[in-house]
Amino acid sequence: MEFVDKVLKCVDCGNEFVFTAGEQLFFHDKQFKNEPKRCKSCKSKRTTGKTVRPETRTTCSECGTETTVPFKPSQGRPVLCRSCFQRRQQPGMQAR
């Protein structure tokens, strides 16, 4: 199978980047199904943790304290503060 350089568009910044033939061969050898979605600089920012996750203020379902969580809570599902969550994760504790 012969690979040729391909120009792709980054989903984060919108800039075009080259998916080289060598990178395509590597993806093929590793049996990766999807092409890369981000340019090298955006991928680097994600892996070094420079992207900021949005925090949502909410109330813990168990103890009632105000807390922040790194996701938008689903309605009807319990949300736990860090200490209640860790307490549930201890060995011997059964999750409901």
PDB file of N, CA and C in Angstrom:
ATOM      1  N   MET A   1       0.842  -1.182   0.000  1.00  0.00           N
ATOM      2  CA  MET A   1       0.000   0.000   0.000  1.00  0.00           C
ATOM      3  C   MET A   1       0.885   1.242   0.000  1.00  0.00           C
ATOM      4  N   GLU A   2       0.586   2.169  -0.882  1.00  0.00           N
ATOM      5  CA  GLU A   2       1.372   3.393  -1.016  1.00  0.00           C
ATOM      6  C   GLU A   2       0.633   4.562  -0.370  1.00  0.00           C
ATOM      7  N   PHE A   3       1.357   5.345   0.434  1.00  0.00           N
ATOM      8  CA  PHE A   3       0.765   6.499   1.107  1.00  0.00           C
ATOM      9  C   PHE A   3       1.344   7.777   0.538  1.00  0.00           C
ATOM     10  N   VAL A   4       0.515   8.819   0.464  1.00  0.00           N
ATOM     11  CA  VAL A   4       0.962  10.142   0.027  1.00  0.00           C
ATOM     12  C   VAL A   4       0.529  11.162   1.077  1.00  0.00           C
ATOM     13  N   ASP A   5       1.301  12.248   1.194  1.00  0.00           N
ATOM     14  CA  ASP A   5       0.960  13.292   2.158  1.00  0.00           C
ATOM     15  C   ASP A   5      -0.462  13.785   1.920  1.00  0.00           C
ATOM     16  N   LYS A   6      -1.163  14.072   3.021  1.00  0.00           N
ATOM     17  CA  LYS A   6      -2.551  14.499   2.954  1.00  0.00           C
ATOM     18  C   LYS A   6      -2.712  15.740   3.824  1.00  0.00           C
ATOM     19  N   VAL A   7      -3.455  16.730   3.341  1.00  0.00           N
ATOM     20  CA  VAL A   7      -3.703  17.945   4.107  1.00  0.00           C
ATOM     21  C   VAL A   7      -5.022  17.782   4.861  1.00  0.00           C
ATOM     22  N   LEU A   8      -4.970  17.970   6.192  1.00  0.00           N
ATOM     23  CA  LEU A   8      -6.149  17.860   7.042  1.00  0.00           C
ATOM     24  C   LEU A   8      -6.386  19.183   7.753  1.00  0.00           C
ATOM     25  N   LYS A   9      -7.577  19.364   8.324  1.00  0.00           N
ATOM     26  CA  LYS A   9      -7.919  20.589   9.042  1.00  0.00           C
ATOM     27  C   LYS A   9      -8.077  20.268  10.527  1.00  0.00           C
ATOM     28  N   CYS A  10      -7.420  21.035  11.394  1.00  0.00           N
ATOM     29  CA  CYS A  10      -7.450  20.850  12.839  1.00  0.00           C
ATOM     30  C   CYS A  10      -8.837  21.222  13.384  1.00  0.00           C
ATOM     31  N   VAL A  11      -9.419  20.351  14.222  1.00  0.00           N
ATOM     32  CA  VAL A  11     -10.738  20.628  14.789  1.00  0.00           C
ATOM     33  C   VAL A  11     -10.684  21.702  15.869  1.00  0.00           C
ATOM     34  N   ASP A  12      -9.518  21.950  16.456  1.00  0.00           N
ATOM     35  CA  ASP A  12      -9.404  22.954  17.511  1.00  0.00           C
ATOM     36  C   ASP A  12      -9.158  24.355  16.956  1.00  0.00           C
ATOM     37  N   CYS A  13      -8.094  24.518  16.168  1.00  0.00           N
ATOM     38  CA  CYS A  13      -7.713  25.857  15.704  1.00  0.00           C
ATOM     39  C   CYS A  13      -8.170  26.148  14.274  1.00  0.00           C
ATOM     40  N   GLY A  14      -8.553  25.132  13.514  1.00  0.00           N
ATOM     41  CA  GLY A  14      -9.015  25.334  12.139  1.00  0.00           C
ATOM     42  C   GLY A  14      -7.915  25.440  11.109  1.00  0.00           C
ATOM     43  N   ASN A  15      -6.650  25.405  11.540  1.00  0.00           N
ATOM     44  CA  ASN A  15      -5.531  25.477  10.599  1.00  0.00           C
ATOM     45  C   ASN A  15      -5.339  24.143   9.894  1.00  0.00           C
ATOM     46  N   GLU A  16      -4.788  24.228   8.690  1.00  0.00           N
ATOM     47  CA  GLU A  16      -4.475  23.009   7.954  1.00  0.00           C
ATOM     48  C   GLU A  16      -3.127  22.475   8.407  1.00  0.00           C
ATOM     49  N   PHE A  17      -3.000  21.138   8.393  1.00  0.00           N
ATOM     50  CA  PHE A  17      -1.726  20.501   8.717  1.00  0.00           C
ATOM     51  C   PHE A  17      -1.546  19.291   7.825  1.00  0.00           C
ATOM     52  N   VAL A  18      -0.292  18.854   7.666  1.00  0.00           N
ATOM     53  CA  VAL A  18       0.024  17.741   6.765  1.00  0.00           C
ATOM     54  C   VAL A  18       0.093  16.439   7.551  1.00  0.00           C
ATOM     55  N   PHE A  19      -0.669  15.464   7.094  1.00  0.00           N
ATOM     56  CA  PHE A  19      -0.623  14.098   7.609  1.00  0.00           C
ATOM     57  C   PHE A  19       0.311  13.355   6.655  1.00  0.00           C
ATOM     58  N   THR A  20       1.582  13.243   7.056  1.00  0.00           N
ATOM     59  CA  THR A  20       2.613  12.742   6.139  1.00  0.00           C
ATOM     60  C   THR A  20       2.416  11.264   5.814  1.00  0.00           C
ATOM     61  N   ALA A  21       3.051  10.841   4.740  1.00  0.00           N
ATOM     62  CA  ALA A  21       2.996   9.437   4.332  1.00  0.00           C
ATOM     63  C   ALA A  21       3.570   8.546   5.431  1.00  0.00           C
ATOM     64  N   GLY A  22       4.645   9.003   6.074  1.00  0.00           N
ATOM     65  CA  GLY A  22       5.247   8.240   7.166  1.00  0.00           C
ATOM     66  C   GLY A  22       4.299   8.082   8.344  1.00  0.00           C
ATOM     67  N   GLU A  23       3.585   9.160   8.684  1.00  0.00           N
ATOM     68  CA  GLU A  23       2.603   9.094   9.769  1.00  0.00           C
ATOM     69  C   GLU A  23       1.452   8.162   9.393  1.00  0.00           C
ATOM     70  N   GLN A  24       1.040   8.202   8.133  1.00  0.00           N
ATOM     71  CA  GLN A  24      -0.029   7.321   7.674  1.00  0.00           C
ATOM     72  C   GLN A  24       0.398   5.861   7.759  1.00  0.00           C
ATOM     73  N   LEU A  25       1.646   5.585   7.409  1.00  0.00           N
ATOM     74  CA  LEU A  25       2.176   4.224   7.519  1.00  0.00           C
ATOM     75  C   LEU A  25       2.166   3.771   8.978  1.00  0.00           C
ATOM     76  N   PHE A  26       2.590   4.644   9.885  1.00  0.00           N
ATOM     77  CA  PHE A  26       2.572   4.336  11.306  1.00  0.00           C
ATOM     78  C   PHE A  26       1.141   4.028  11.768  1.00  0.00           C
ATOM     79  N   PHE A  27       0.172   4.876  11.381  1.00  0.00           N
ATOM     80  CA  PHE A  27      -1.228   4.653  11.753  1.00  0.00           C
ATOM     81  C   PHE A  27      -1.707   3.312  11.199  1.00  0.00           C
ATOM     82  N   HIS A  28      -1.316   2.998   9.956  1.00  0.00           N
ATOM     83  CA  HIS A  28      -1.718   1.736   9.335  1.00  0.00           C
ATOM     84  C   HIS A  28      -1.116   0.549  10.088  1.00  0.00           C
ATOM     85  N   ASP A  29       0.163   0.633  10.423  1.00  0.00           N
ATOM     86  CA  ASP A  29       0.841  -0.451  11.153  1.00  0.00           C
ATOM     87  C   ASP A  29       0.223  -0.690  12.526  1.00  0.00           C
ATOM     88  N   LYS A  30      -0.194   0.389  13.191  1.00  0.00           N
ATOM     89  CA  LYS A  30      -0.802   0.289  14.521  1.00  0.00           C
ATOM     90  C   LYS A  30      -2.297  -0.042  14.444  1.00  0.00           C
ATOM     91  N   GLN A  31      -2.822  -0.125  13.217  1.00  0.00           N
ATOM     92  CA  GLN A  31      -4.231  -0.420  12.953  1.00  0.00           C
ATOM     93  C   GLN A  31      -5.167   0.631  13.535  1.00  0.00           C
ATOM     94  N   PHE A  32      -4.703   1.902  13.532  1.00  0.00           N
ATOM     95  CA  PHE A  32      -5.573   2.996  13.944  1.00  0.00           C
ATOM     96  C   PHE A  32      -6.597   3.216  12.848  1.00  0.00           C
ATOM     97  N   LYS A  33      -7.840   3.396  13.231  1.00  0.00           N
ATOM     98  CA  LYS A  33      -8.927   3.531  12.248  1.00  0.00           C
ATOM     99  C   LYS A  33      -9.159   4.975  11.806  1.00  0.00           C
ATOM    100  N   ASN A  34      -8.871   5.950  12.682  1.00  0.00           N
ATOM    101  CA  ASN A  34      -9.166   7.355  12.383  1.00  0.00           C
ATOM    102  C   ASN A  34      -7.908   8.157  12.104  1.00  0.00           C
ATOM    103  N   GLU A  35      -8.053   9.147  11.220  1.00  0.00           N
ATOM    104  CA  GLU A  35      -6.958  10.069  10.948  1.00  0.00           C
ATOM    105  C   GLU A  35      -6.847  11.034  12.125  1.00  0.00           C
ATOM    106  N   PRO A  36      -5.687  11.694  12.305  1.00  0.00           N
ATOM    107  CA  PRO A  36      -5.572  12.673  13.382  1.00  0.00           C
ATOM    108  C   PRO A  36      -6.534  13.836  13.164  1.00  0.00           C
ATOM    109  N   LYS A  37      -7.046  14.386  14.244  1.00  0.00           N
ATOM    110  CA  LYS A  37      -7.996  15.488  14.150  1.00  0.00           C
ATOM    111  C   LYS A  37      -7.366  16.828  14.533  1.00  0.00           C
ATOM    112  N   ARG A  38      -6.175  16.789  15.146  1.00  0.00           N
ATOM    113  CA  ARG A  38      -5.540  18.008  15.637  1.00  0.00           C
ATOM    114  C   ARG A  38      -4.128  18.158  15.071  1.00  0.00           C
ATOM    115  N   CYS A  39      -3.727  19.412  14.868  1.00  0.00           N
ATOM    116  CA  CYS A  39      -2.356  19.687  14.448  1.00  0.00           C
ATOM    117  C   CYS A  39      -1.427  19.414  15.629  1.00  0.00           C
ATOM    118  N   LYS A  40      -0.135  19.388  15.371  1.00  0.00           N
ATOM    119  CA  LYS A  40       0.826  19.040  16.429  1.00  0.00           C
ATOM    120  C   LYS A  40       0.776  20.005  17.602  1.00  0.00           C
ATOM    121  N   SER A  41       0.609  21.311  17.348  1.00  0.00           N
ATOM    122  CA  SER A  41       0.604  22.255  18.468  1.00  0.00           C
ATOM    123  C   SER A  41      -0.648  22.096  19.324  1.00  0.00           C
ATOM    124  N   CYS A  42      -1.811  21.865  18.722  1.00  0.00           N
ATOM    125  CA  CYS A  42      -3.034  21.665  19.502  1.00  0.00           C
ATOM    126  C   CYS A  42      -2.985  20.335  20.254  1.00  0.00           C
ATOM    127  N   LYS A  43      -2.421  19.316  19.626  1.00  0.00           N
ATOM    128  CA  LYS A  43      -2.274  18.025  20.299  1.00  0.00           C
ATOM    129  C   LYS A  43      -1.339  18.174  21.496  1.00  0.00           C
ATOM    130  N   SER A  44      -0.277  18.936  21.318  1.00  0.00           N
ATOM    131  CA  SER A  44       0.676  19.169  22.398  1.00  0.00           C
ATOM    132  C   SER A  44       0.016  19.903  23.560  1.00  0.00           C
ATOM    133  N   LYS A  45      -0.803  20.902  23.261  1.00  0.00           N
ATOM    134  CA  LYS A  45      -1.507  21.640  24.312  1.00  0.00           C
ATOM    135  C   LYS A  45      -2.419  20.718  25.103  1.00  0.00           C
ATOM    136  N   ARG A  46      -3.102  19.792  24.418  1.00  0.00           N
ATOM    137  CA  ARG A  46      -4.010  18.863  25.103  1.00  0.00           C
ATOM    138  C   ARG A  46      -3.248  17.900  26.003  1.00  0.00           C
ATOM    139  N   THR A  47      -2.113  17.398  25.543  1.00  0.00           N
ATOM    140  CA  THR A  47      -1.378  16.404  26.325  1.00  0.00           C
ATOM    141  C   THR A  47      -0.632  17.017  27.495  1.00  0.00           C
ATOM    142  N   THR A  48      -0.290  18.305  27.407  1.00  0.00           N
ATOM    143  CA  THR A  48       0.389  18.941  28.539  1.00  0.00           C
ATOM    144  C   THR A  48      -0.605  19.517  29.532  1.00  0.00           C
ATOM    145  N   GLY A  49      -1.884  19.416  29.239  1.00  0.00           N
ATOM    146  CA  GLY A  49      -2.912  19.864  30.164  1.00  0.00           C
ATOM    147  C   GLY A  49      -3.127  21.357  30.196  1.00  0.00           C
ATOM    148  N   LYS A  50      -2.766  22.059  29.144  1.00  0.00           N
ATOM    149  CA  LYS A  50      -2.937  23.506  29.132  1.00  0.00           C
ATOM    150  C   LYS A  50      -4.378  23.920  28.848  1.00  0.00           C
ATOM    151  N   THR A  51      -5.205  22.997  28.372  1.00  0.00           N
ATOM    152  CA  THR A  51      -6.594  23.340  28.146  1.00  0.00           C
ATOM    153  C   THR A  51      -7.314  23.362  29.485  1.00  0.00           C
ATOM    154  N   VAL A  52      -8.174  24.327  29.649  1.00  0.00           N
ATOM    155  CA  VAL A  52      -8.882  24.492  30.911  1.00  0.00           C
ATOM    156  C   VAL A  52     -10.266  23.860  30.789  1.00  0.00           C
ATOM    157  N   ARG A  53     -10.565  22.967  31.713  1.00  0.00           N
ATOM    158  CA  ARG A  53     -11.887  22.350  31.728  1.00  0.00           C
ATOM    159  C   ARG A  53     -12.864  23.279  32.441  1.00  0.00           C
ATOM    160  N   PRO A  54     -14.055  23.401  31.907  1.00  0.00           N
ATOM    161  CA  PRO A  54     -15.040  24.243  32.596  1.00  0.00           C
ATOM    162  C   PRO A  54     -15.498  23.567  33.893  1.00  0.00           C
ATOM    163  N   GLU A  55     -15.612  24.348  34.937  1.00  0.00           N
ATOM    164  CA  GLU A  55     -16.050  23.825  36.230  1.00  0.00           C
ATOM    165  C   GLU A  55     -17.496  24.269  36.447  1.00  0.00           C
ATOM    166  N   THR A  56     -18.308  23.376  36.993  1.00  0.00           N
ATOM    167  CA  THR A  56     -19.701  23.674  37.283  1.00  0.00           C
ATOM    168  C   THR A  56     -19.915  23.643  38.786  1.00  0.00           C
ATOM    169  N   ARG A  57     -20.521  24.697  39.324  1.00  0.00           N
ATOM    170  CA  ARG A  57     -20.835  24.740  40.753  1.00  0.00           C
ATOM    171  C   ARG A  57     -22.107  23.936  40.986  1.00  0.00           C
ATOM    172  N   THR A  58     -22.089  23.083  42.012  1.00  0.00           N
ATOM    173  CA  THR A  58     -23.244  22.256  42.341  1.00  0.00           C
ATOM    174  C   THR A  58     -23.205  21.885  43.821  1.00  0.00           C
ATOM    175  N   THR A  59     -24.196  21.173  44.278  1.00  0.00           N
ATOM    176  CA  THR A  59     -24.273  20.741  45.667  1.00  0.00           C
ATOM    177  C   THR A  59     -24.122  19.221  45.720  1.00  0.00           C
ATOM    178  N   CYS A  60     -23.316  18.736  46.659  1.00  0.00           N
ATOM    179  CA  CYS A  60     -23.092  17.303  46.819  1.00  0.00           C
ATOM    180  C   CYS A  60     -24.403  16.626  47.206  1.00  0.00           C
ATOM    181  N   SER A  61     -24.725  15.525  46.544  1.00  0.00           N
ATOM    182  CA  SER A  61     -25.965  14.794  46.802  1.00  0.00           C
ATOM    183  C   SER A  61     -25.952  14.073  48.144  1.00  0.00           C
ATOM    184  N   GLU A  62     -24.762  13.798  48.692  1.00  0.00           N
ATOM    185  CA  GLU A  62     -24.687  13.071  49.953  1.00  0.00           C
ATOM    186  C   GLU A  62     -24.612  13.985  51.170  1.00  0.00           C
ATOM    187  N   CYS A  63     -23.656  14.926  51.164  1.00  0.00           N
ATOM    188  CA  CYS A  63     -23.447  15.732  52.369  1.00  0.00           C
ATOM    189  C   CYS A  63     -24.012  17.145  52.263  1.00  0.00           C
ATOM    190  N   GLY A  64     -24.396  17.581  51.065  1.00  0.00           N
ATOM    191  CA  GLY A  64     -25.019  18.887  50.903  1.00  0.00           C
ATOM    192  C   GLY A  64     -24.067  20.067  50.801  1.00  0.00           C
ATOM    193  N   THR A  65     -22.762  19.828  50.801  1.00  0.00           N
ATOM    194  CA  THR A  65     -21.821  20.940  50.681  1.00  0.00           C
ATOM    195  C   THR A  65     -21.740  21.426  49.243  1.00  0.00           C
ATOM    196  N   GLU A  66     -21.421  22.711  49.064  1.00  0.00           N
ATOM    197  CA  GLU A  66     -21.265  23.254  47.726  1.00  0.00           C
ATOM    198  C   GLU A  66     -19.903  22.826  47.195  1.00  0.00           C
ATOM    199  N   THR A  67     -19.848  22.407  45.937  1.00  0.00           N
ATOM    200  CA  THR A  67     -18.618  21.914  45.334  1.00  0.00           C
ATOM    201  C   THR A  67     -18.589  22.283  43.862  1.00  0.00           C
ATOM    202  N   THR A  68     -17.464  22.056  43.212  1.00  0.00           N
ATOM    203  CA  THR A  68     -17.363  22.232  41.763  1.00  0.00           C
ATOM    204  C   THR A  68     -16.978  20.901  41.148  1.00  0.00           C
ATOM    205  N   VAL A  69     -17.477  20.656  39.948  1.00  0.00           N
ATOM    206  CA  VAL A  69     -17.173  19.414  39.226  1.00  0.00           C
ATOM    207  C   VAL A  69     -16.732  19.774  37.812  1.00  0.00           C
ATOM    208  N   PRO A  70     -15.857  18.958  37.199  1.00  0.00           N
ATOM    209  CA  PRO A  70     -15.338  19.275  35.858  1.00  0.00           C
ATOM    210  C   PRO A  70     -16.247  18.787  34.720  1.00  0.00           C
ATOM    211  N   PHE A  71     -17.554  18.762  34.954  1.00  0.00           N
ATOM    212  CA  PHE A  71     -18.507  18.333  33.934  1.00  0.00           C
ATOM    213  C   PHE A  71     -19.845  18.991  34.234  1.00  0.00           C
ATOM    214  N   LYS A  72     -20.769  18.925  33.280  1.00  0.00           N
ATOM    215  CA  LYS A  72     -22.107  19.453  33.501  1.00  0.00           C
ATOM    216  C   LYS A  72     -22.968  18.299  34.004  1.00  0.00           C
ATOM    217  N   PRO A  73     -23.455  18.376  35.237  1.00  0.00           N
ATOM    218  CA  PRO A  73     -24.223  17.261  35.805  1.00  0.00           C
ATOM    219  C   PRO A  73     -25.496  16.963  35.017  1.00  0.00           C
ATOM    220  N   SER A  74     -25.811  15.678  34.904  1.00  0.00           N
ATOM    221  CA  SER A  74     -27.045  15.243  34.256  1.00  0.00           C
ATOM    222  C   SER A  74     -28.165  15.317  35.275  1.00  0.00           C
ATOM    223  N   GLN A  75     -29.314  15.725  34.835  1.00  0.00           N
ATOM    224  CA  GLN A  75     -30.442  15.846  35.748  1.00  0.00           C
ATOM    225  C   GLN A  75     -30.870  14.457  36.219  1.00  0.00           C
ATOM    226  N   GLY A  76     -31.124  14.347  37.526  1.00  0.00           N
ATOM    227  CA  GLY A  76     -31.574  13.084  38.087  1.00  0.00           C
ATOM    228  C   GLY A  76     -30.450  12.170  38.544  1.00  0.00           C
ATOM    229  N   ARG A  77     -29.203  12.519  38.258  1.00  0.00           N
ATOM    230  CA  ARG A  77     -28.073  11.693  38.672  1.00  0.00           C
ATOM    231  C   ARG A  77     -27.369  12.370  39.832  1.00  0.00           C
ATOM    232  N   PRO A  78     -26.949  11.596  40.835  1.00  0.00           N
ATOM    233  CA  PRO A  78     -26.279  12.205  41.991  1.00  0.00           C
ATOM    234  C   PRO A  78     -24.898  12.752  41.626  1.00  0.00           C
ATOM    235  N   VAL A  79     -24.532  13.849  42.277  1.00  0.00           N
ATOM    236  CA  VAL A  79     -23.213  14.457  42.105  1.00  0.00           C
ATOM    237  C   VAL A  79     -22.569  14.493  43.484  1.00  0.00           C
ATOM    238  N   LEU A  80     -21.331  14.018  43.572  1.00  0.00           N
ATOM    239  CA  LEU A  80     -20.636  13.934  44.847  1.00  0.00           C
ATOM    240  C   LEU A  80     -19.460  14.894  44.910  1.00  0.00           C
ATOM    241  N   CYS A  81     -19.204  15.423  46.122  1.00  0.00           N
ATOM    242  CA  CYS A  81     -17.994  16.213  46.331  1.00  0.00           C
ATOM    243  C   CYS A  81     -16.815  15.242  46.369  1.00  0.00           C
ATOM    244  N   ARG A  82     -15.609  15.776  46.376  1.00  0.00           N
ATOM    245  CA  ARG A  82     -14.421  14.935  46.339  1.00  0.00           C
ATOM    246  C   ARG A  82     -14.367  13.950  47.513  1.00  0.00           C
ATOM    247  N   SER A  83     -14.636  14.418  48.727  1.00  0.00           N
ATOM    248  CA  SER A  83     -14.505  13.522  49.889  1.00  0.00           C
ATOM    249  C   SER A  83     -15.559  12.421  49.866  1.00  0.00           C
ATOM    250  N   CYS A  84     -16.797  12.728  49.483  1.00  0.00           N
ATOM    251  CA  CYS A  84     -17.834  11.684  49.393  1.00  0.00           C
ATOM    252  C   CYS A  84     -17.505  10.696  48.276  1.00  0.00           C
ATOM    253  N   PHE A  85     -16.992  11.211  47.162  1.00  0.00           N
ATOM    254  CA  PHE A  85     -16.612  10.340  46.051  1.00  0.00           C
ATOM    255  C   PHE A  85     -15.500   9.387  46.469  1.00  0.00           C
ATOM    256  N   GLN A  86     -14.477   9.922  47.153  1.00  0.00           N
ATOM    257  CA  GLN A  86     -13.361   9.079  47.585  1.00  0.00           C
ATOM    258  C   GLN A  86     -13.814   8.056  48.617  1.00  0.00           C
ATOM    259  N   ARG A  87     -14.730   8.441  49.493  1.00  0.00           N
ATOM    260  CA  ARG A  87     -15.260   7.514  50.487  1.00  0.00           C
ATOM    261  C   ARG A  87     -15.942   6.324  49.799  1.00  0.00           C
ATOM    262  N   ARG A  88     -16.659   6.597  48.731  1.00  0.00           N
ATOM    263  CA  ARG A  88     -17.331   5.519  47.991  1.00  0.00           C
ATOM    264  C   ARG A  88     -16.344   4.614  47.253  1.00  0.00           C
ATOM    265  N   GLN A  89     -15.175   5.163  46.909  1.00  0.00           N
ATOM    266  CA  GLN A  89     -14.182   4.400  46.161  1.00  0.00           C
ATOM    267  C   GLN A  89     -13.341   3.480  47.036  1.00  0.00           C
ATOM    268  N   GLN A  90     -13.436   3.619  48.359  1.00  0.00           N
ATOM    269  CA  GLN A  90     -12.638   2.803  49.272  1.00  0.00           C
ATOM    270  C   GLN A  90     -13.029   1.348  49.132  1.00  0.00           C
ATOM    271  N   PRO A  91     -12.051   0.415  49.274  1.00  0.00           N
ATOM    272  CA  PRO A  91     -12.356  -1.009  49.190  1.00  0.00           C
ATOM    273  C   PRO A  91     -13.374  -1.400  50.247  1.00  0.00           C
ATOM    274  N   GLY A  92     -14.279  -2.263  49.852  1.00  0.00           N
ATOM    275  CA  GLY A  92     -15.300  -2.747  50.792  1.00  0.00           C
ATOM    276  C   GLY A  92     -16.577  -1.938  50.711  1.00  0.00           C
ATOM    277  N   MET A  93     -16.536  -0.760  50.078  1.00  0.00           N
ATOM    278  CA  MET A  93     -17.737   0.048  49.934  1.00  0.00           C
ATOM    279  C   MET A  93     -18.435  -0.369  48.645  1.00  0.00           C
ATOM    280  N   GLN A  94     -19.700  -0.584  48.706  1.00  0.00           N
ATOM    281  CA  GLN A  94     -20.470  -0.983  47.537  1.00  0.00           C
ATOM    282  C   GLN A  94     -21.087   0.248  46.883  1.00  0.00           C
ATOM    283  N   ALA A  95     -20.931   0.366  45.574  1.00  0.00           N
ATOM    284  CA  ALA A  95     -21.567   1.451  44.849  1.00  0.00           C
ATOM    285  C   ALA A  95     -23.025   1.087  44.615  1.00  0.00           C
ATOM    286  N   ARG A  96     -23.886   2.084  44.689  1.00  0.00           N
ATOM    287  CA  ARG A  96     -25.320   1.814  44.502  1.00  0.00           C
ATOM    288  C   ARG A  96     -25.679   1.764  43.050  1.00  0.00           C
TER     289      ARG A  96
END
